């Protein structure tokens, strides 16, 4: 901004540029609906990720293999491993994982 001021022969800091996009009422309404839908989708995605991570942890603690978990959740076994590793790094330091008590069928 200071460079622009100097090029125009003005004192640095003496120029203010404001950009605005003028929309009509219908466009404002559509924009608000799109933003609300996007926020709803982001919240749903976060809830889905949390539920999936919980399911991965629970299923593996029950003794299911990564491949079996992936099959049940519609994920690759590699993605299941990534989710499991992320869950392990997010676990509080004083928390210990549950022992596997289930048997694989």
C-alpha atoms as a PDB file:
ATOM      1  CA  UNK A   1       0.000   0.000   0.000  1.00  0.00           C
ATOM      2  CA  UNK A   2       2.858   2.373   0.834  1.00  0.00           C
ATOM      3  CA  UNK A   3       4.422   1.689  -2.559  1.00  0.00           C
ATOM      4  CA  UNK A   4       1.143   2.621  -4.268  1.00  0.00           C
ATOM      5  CA  UNK A   5       0.988   5.823  -2.216  1.00  0.00           C
ATOM      6  CA  UNK A   6       4.502   6.798  -3.322  1.00  0.00           C
ATOM      7  CA  UNK A   7       3.734   6.011  -6.969  1.00  0.00           C
ATOM      8  CA  UNK A   8       0.699   8.275  -6.817  1.00  0.00           C
ATOM      9  CA  UNK A   9       2.680  11.009  -5.070  1.00  0.00           C
ATOM     10  CA  UNK A  10       0.794  10.619  -1.793  1.00  0.00           C
ATOM     11  CA  UNK A  11       2.056  10.174   1.738  1.00  0.00           C
ATOM     12  CA  UNK A  12       2.472   6.528   2.813  1.00  0.00           C
ATOM     13  CA  UNK A  13      -0.611   5.389   4.674  1.00  0.00           C
ATOM     14  CA  UNK A  14      -2.777   8.144   3.200  1.00  0.00           C
ATOM     15  CA  UNK A  15      -4.591   5.863   0.734  1.00  0.00           C
ATOM     16  CA  UNK A  16      -7.284   3.407   1.743  1.00  0.00           C
ATOM     17  CA  UNK A  17      -8.658   0.871  -0.691  1.00  0.00           C
ATOM     18  CA  UNK A  18     -11.956  -0.797   0.018  1.00  0.00           C
ATOM     19  CA  UNK A  19     -13.294  -3.602  -2.098  1.00  0.00           C
ATOM     20  CA  UNK A  20     -16.953  -4.494  -2.006  1.00  0.00           C
ATOM     21  CA  UNK A  21     -19.089  -6.757  -4.109  1.00  0.00           C
ATOM     22  CA  UNK A  22     -22.591  -5.431  -4.492  1.00  0.00           C
ATOM     23  CA  UNK A  23     -25.186  -8.194  -4.765  1.00  0.00           C
ATOM     24  CA  UNK A  24     -28.885  -8.007  -5.264  1.00  0.00           C
ATOM     25  CA  UNK A  25     -31.308  -9.356  -2.637  1.00  0.00           C
ATOM     26  CA  UNK A  26     -31.845 -12.662  -4.494  1.00  0.00           C
ATOM     27  CA  UNK A  27     -28.096 -13.266  -4.771  1.00  0.00           C
ATOM     28  CA  UNK A  28     -27.586 -12.389  -1.083  1.00  0.00           C
ATOM     29  CA  UNK A  29     -30.260 -14.927  -0.141  1.00  0.00           C
ATOM     30  CA  UNK A  30     -28.710 -17.604  -2.370  1.00  0.00           C
ATOM     31  CA  UNK A  31     -25.255 -16.867  -0.971  1.00  0.00           C
ATOM     32  CA  UNK A  32     -26.519 -17.159   2.611  1.00  0.00           C
ATOM     33  CA  UNK A  33     -28.183 -20.500   1.800  1.00  0.00           C
ATOM     34  CA  UNK A  34     -24.991 -21.798   0.164  1.00  0.00           C
ATOM     35  CA  UNK A  35     -22.879 -20.773   3.167  1.00  0.00           C
ATOM     36  CA  UNK A  36     -25.330 -22.409   5.584  1.00  0.00           C
ATOM     37  CA  UNK A  37     -25.349 -25.619   3.534  1.00  0.00           C
ATOM     38  CA  UNK A  38     -21.547 -25.641   3.429  1.00  0.00           C
ATOM     39  CA  UNK A  39     -21.326 -25.189   7.203  1.00  0.00           C
ATOM     40  CA  UNK A  40     -23.817 -28.017   7.700  1.00  0.00           C
ATOM     41  CA  UNK A  41     -21.775 -30.260   5.407  1.00  0.00           C
ATOM     42  CA  UNK A  42     -18.541 -29.433   7.253  1.00  0.00           C
ATOM     43  CA  UNK A  43     -20.154 -30.229  10.601  1.00  0.00           C
ATOM     44  CA  UNK A  44     -21.518 -33.519   9.227  1.00  0.00           C
ATOM     45  CA  UNK A  45     -18.091 -34.433   7.831  1.00  0.00           C
ATOM     46  CA  UNK A  46     -16.459 -33.783  11.207  1.00  0.00           C
ATOM     47  CA  UNK A  47     -19.092 -35.905  12.965  1.00  0.00           C
ATOM     48  CA  UNK A  48     -18.602 -38.678  10.399  1.00  0.00           C
ATOM     49  CA  UNK A  49     -14.837 -38.649  10.889  1.00  0.00           C
ATOM     50  CA  UNK A  50     -15.197 -38.825  14.666  1.00  0.00           C
ATOM     51  CA  UNK A  51     -17.704 -41.682  14.454  1.00  0.00           C
ATOM     52  CA  UNK A  52     -15.483 -43.566  12.016  1.00  0.00           C
ATOM     53  CA  UNK A  53     -12.443 -43.148  14.261  1.00  0.00           C
ATOM     54  CA  UNK A  54     -14.437 -44.403  17.247  1.00  0.00           C
ATOM     55  CA  UNK A  55     -15.650 -47.391  15.250  1.00  0.00           C
ATOM     56  CA  UNK A  56     -12.116 -48.235  14.087  1.00  0.00           C
ATOM     57  CA  UNK A  57     -10.788 -48.125  17.638  1.00  0.00           C
ATOM     58  CA  UNK A  58     -13.678 -50.186  19.004  1.00  0.00           C
ATOM     59  CA  UNK A  59     -13.545 -52.793  16.231  1.00  0.00           C
ATOM     60  CA  UNK A  60      -9.788 -53.282  16.493  1.00  0.00           C
ATOM     61  CA  UNK A  61     -10.031 -53.504  20.276  1.00  0.00           C
ATOM     62  CA  UNK A  62     -12.574 -56.292  19.732  1.00  0.00           C
ATOM     63  CA  UNK A  63      -9.925 -58.136  17.750  1.00  0.00           C
ATOM     64  CA  UNK A  64     -10.961 -57.462  14.165  1.00  0.00           C
ATOM     65  CA  UNK A  65      -8.204 -57.139  11.600  1.00  0.00           C
ATOM     66  CA  UNK A  66      -7.588 -53.915   9.723  1.00  0.00           C
ATOM     67  CA  UNK A  67      -8.956 -55.550   6.575  1.00  0.00           C
ATOM     68  CA  UNK A  68     -12.131 -56.647   8.355  1.00  0.00           C
ATOM     69  CA  UNK A  69     -12.617 -53.169   9.800  1.00  0.00           C
ATOM     70  CA  UNK A  70     -12.089 -51.677   6.377  1.00  0.00           C
ATOM     71  CA  UNK A  71     -14.610 -54.049   4.849  1.00  0.00           C
ATOM     72  CA  UNK A  72     -17.236 -53.188   7.459  1.00  0.00           C
ATOM     73  CA  UNK A  73     -16.648 -49.439   7.178  1.00  0.00           C
ATOM     74  CA  UNK A  74     -16.144 -49.280   3.416  1.00  0.00           C
ATOM     75  CA  UNK A  75     -12.516 -48.204   3.765  1.00  0.00           C
ATOM     76  CA  UNK A  76      -9.196 -49.626   2.683  1.00  0.00           C
ATOM     77  CA  UNK A  77      -7.134 -51.378   5.342  1.00  0.00           C
ATOM     78  CA  UNK A  78      -4.485 -48.703   4.778  1.00  0.00           C
ATOM     79  CA  UNK A  79      -6.958 -45.965   5.638  1.00  0.00           C
ATOM     80  CA  UNK A  80      -8.044 -47.908   8.723  1.00  0.00           C
ATOM     81  CA  UNK A  81      -4.383 -48.038   9.818  1.00  0.00           C
ATOM     82  CA  UNK A  82      -4.050 -44.261   9.322  1.00  0.00           C
ATOM     83  CA  UNK A  83      -7.163 -43.613  11.403  1.00  0.00           C
ATOM     84  CA  UNK A  84      -5.955 -45.983  14.114  1.00  0.00           C
ATOM     85  CA  UNK A  85      -2.518 -44.351  14.239  1.00  0.00           C
ATOM     86  CA  UNK A  86      -4.086 -40.881  14.424  1.00  0.00           C
ATOM     87  CA  UNK A  87      -6.347 -42.027  17.244  1.00  0.00           C
ATOM     88  CA  UNK A  88      -3.327 -43.406  19.112  1.00  0.00           C
ATOM     89  CA  UNK A  89      -1.421 -40.116  18.843  1.00  0.00           C
ATOM     90  CA  UNK A  90      -4.483 -38.148  20.010  1.00  0.00           C
ATOM     91  CA  UNK A  91      -4.972 -40.370  23.068  1.00  0.00           C
ATOM     92  CA  UNK A  92      -4.042 -38.652  26.353  1.00  0.00           C
ATOM     93  CA  UNK A  93      -0.570 -39.587  27.623  1.00  0.00           C
ATOM     94  CA  UNK A  94      -1.873 -41.245  30.808  1.00  0.00           C
ATOM     95  CA  UNK A  95      -4.453 -43.295  28.923  1.00  0.00           C
ATOM     96  CA  UNK A  96      -3.727 -46.888  28.047  1.00  0.00           C
ATOM     97  CA  UNK A  97      -5.472 -48.771  25.263  1.00  0.00           C
ATOM     98  CA  UNK A  98      -7.966 -51.475  26.198  1.00  0.00           C
ATOM     99  CA  UNK A  99      -6.885 -55.066  25.890  1.00  0.00           C
ATOM    100  CA  UNK A 100      -8.367 -57.009  23.036  1.00  0.00           C
ATOM    101  CA  UNK A 101     -11.056 -59.243  24.466  1.00  0.00           C
ATOM    102  CA  UNK A 102     -12.980 -60.342  21.390  1.00  0.00           C
ATOM    103  CA  UNK A 103     -12.169 -63.115  19.005  1.00  0.00           C
ATOM    104  CA  UNK A 104     -12.087 -62.848  15.279  1.00  0.00           C
ATOM    105  CA  UNK A 105     -14.898 -64.656  13.515  1.00  0.00           C
END
